[in-house]
Amino acid sequence: QVQLVESGGGLVQPGGSLRLSCAASGSIFSMYAMGWYRQAPGKQRELVGDITGGGSTNYADSVKGRFTISRDNAKNAVYLQMNSLKPEDTAVYYCKAVHERRLTTYWGKGTLVTVSS
């Protein structure tokens, strides 16, 4: 079992920055690929980006060059640095863990990011 807790959401003005954190507990963190997803009101959940246990990253086209995912395996944490935020980035952001061999999947409960002036 893996428990995921997101934090760092809030209200930010367009053009601003936020850093989301996802704290993981309960298993060997480095064996999990970690992903950030978001779900805006009335829309489907979508991938923001992900990072393998070895640190390789992948991003959605809509956030490339603005968002950066990183992880600290010693702290069992993954981060999402969001810069140049736009109103369309408003969503609940979720952390996801996938065991790289067993493909067992876990989700956090999400943290709300609102980009508005």
Protein backbone atom coordinates (compact mmCIF):
# COMPACT_ATOMS: atom_id res chain seq x y z
CA GLN A 1 0.00 0.00 0.00
CA VAL A 2 1.07 3.52 -0.79
CA GLN A 3 -0.49 6.65 0.68
CA LEU A 4 -0.14 9.88 -1.26
CA VAL A 5 -0.81 13.34 0.13
CA GLU A 6 -0.66 16.42 -2.09
CA SER A 7 -0.06 19.93 -0.79
CA GLY A 8 0.82 23.40 -2.04
CA GLY A 9 -2.31 24.32 -3.94
CA GLY A 10 -3.99 27.69 -3.65
CA LEU A 11 -4.97 30.87 -5.41
CA VAL A 12 -2.40 32.53 -7.65
CA GLN A 13 -2.56 35.34 -10.19
CA PRO A 14 -1.93 34.70 -13.88
CA GLY A 15 1.79 34.64 -14.55
CA GLY A 16 2.54 33.49 -11.02
CA SER A 17 4.12 30.33 -9.70
CA LEU A 18 3.24 27.52 -7.34
CA ARG A 19 5.05 24.42 -6.19
CA LEU A 20 3.03 21.34 -5.44
CA SER A 21 4.34 18.52 -3.31
CA CYS A 22 3.27 14.91 -3.04
CA ALA A 23 4.41 12.96 0.00
CA ALA A 24 4.39 9.18 -0.28
CA SER A 25 4.48 6.60 2.45
CA GLY A 26 4.14 2.88 2.80
CA SER A 27 6.46 1.36 0.22
CA ILE A 28 9.77 1.62 -1.64
CA PHE A 29 9.31 4.98 -3.30
CA SER A 30 12.06 4.59 -5.91
CA MET A 31 10.23 1.63 -7.46
CA TYR A 32 7.30 3.84 -8.43
CA ALA A 33 6.82 6.05 -11.43
CA MET A 34 5.08 9.20 -10.24
CA GLY A 35 2.66 11.31 -12.18
CA TRP A 36 0.80 14.57 -11.82
CA TYR A 37 -2.69 14.77 -13.28
CA ARG A 38 -5.30 17.50 -13.21
CA GLN A 39 -9.02 17.75 -13.57
CA ALA A 40 -10.74 21.01 -14.37
CA PRO A 41 -14.47 21.52 -13.69
CA GLY A 42 -16.52 19.68 -16.28
CA LYS A 43 -13.49 18.07 -17.90
CA GLN A 44 -11.79 14.71 -17.80
CA ARG A 45 -8.70 14.10 -15.75
CA GLU A 46 -5.59 14.61 -17.85
CA LEU A 47 -1.89 13.91 -17.54
CA VAL A 48 0.27 16.90 -16.66
CA GLY A 49 3.52 14.99 -16.56
CA ASP A 50 5.31 12.07 -15.01
CA ILE A 51 8.70 10.94 -13.80
CA THR A 52 10.19 7.46 -13.63
CA GLY A 53 12.00 6.04 -10.65
CA GLY A 54 15.24 6.88 -12.45
CA GLY A 55 14.22 10.49 -13.07
CA SER A 56 13.14 10.53 -16.72
CA THR A 57 10.32 13.01 -17.29
CA ASN A 58 7.47 13.47 -19.73
CA TYR A 59 5.11 16.43 -20.04
CA ALA A 60 1.85 17.32 -21.69
CA ASP A 61 2.31 19.78 -24.54
CA SER A 62 0.17 22.34 -22.71
CA VAL A 63 2.67 22.66 -19.85
CA LYS A 64 6.03 22.06 -21.56
CA GLY A 65 8.47 24.82 -20.73
CA ARG A 66 6.34 26.05 -17.82
CA PHE A 67 6.06 23.09 -15.45
CA THR A 68 8.85 20.93 -14.03
CA ILE A 69 8.51 17.62 -12.21
CA SER A 70 11.20 16.45 -9.82
CA ARG A 71 11.50 13.81 -7.14
CA ASP A 72 13.52 13.21 -4.01
CA ASN A 73 13.65 9.48 -3.36
CA ALA A 74 15.31 10.02 0.02
CA LYS A 75 12.32 12.10 1.13
CA ASN A 76 9.68 9.96 -0.62
CA ALA A 77 8.42 13.06 -2.38
CA VAL A 78 7.63 14.32 -5.84
CA TYR A 79 7.20 17.95 -6.79
CA LEU A 80 5.52 19.96 -9.50
CA GLN A 81 6.96 23.42 -10.06
CA MET A 82 4.46 25.49 -12.00
CA ASN A 83 5.54 28.77 -13.56
CA SER A 84 3.81 31.25 -15.85
CA LEU A 85 0.45 29.99 -14.68
CA LYS A 86 -2.60 30.62 -16.81
CA PRO A 87 -6.31 30.64 -15.92
CA GLU A 88 -6.67 27.42 -17.91
CA ASP A 89 -4.32 25.72 -15.46
CA THR A 90 -7.07 25.97 -12.83
CA ALA A 91 -7.88 22.44 -11.70
CA VAL A 92 -7.59 19.92 -8.95
CA TYR A 93 -4.12 18.42 -9.21
CA TYR A 94 -3.62 14.77 -8.32
CA CYS A 95 -0.55 12.72 -7.61
CA LYS A 96 -0.37 9.16 -8.95
CA ALA A 97 2.04 6.34 -8.17
CA VAL A 98 2.52 3.31 -10.42
CA HIS A 99 4.79 0.42 -9.44
CA GLU A 100 7.15 0.05 -12.36
CA ARG A 101 6.95 -3.76 -12.39
CA ARG A 102 3.62 -4.73 -10.85
CA LEU A 103 1.79 -1.67 -12.30
CA THR A 104 -0.14 -1.29 -9.04
CA THR A 105 -1.62 2.20 -9.03
CA TYR A 106 -2.38 4.65 -6.23
CA TRP A 107 -3.90 8.14 -6.23
CA GLY A 108 -3.85 11.02 -3.83
CA LYS A 109 -6.94 13.04 -3.00
CA GLY A 110 -5.83 16.13 -4.86
CA THR A 111 -5.07 19.77 -4.20
CA LEU A 112 -6.89 22.69 -5.80
CA VAL A 113 -5.03 25.24 -7.88
CA THR A 114 -6.91 28.36 -8.91
CA VAL A 115 -5.35 30.84 -11.31
CA SER A 116 -7.29 34.07 -11.28
CA SER A 117 -6.85 37.79 -10.95
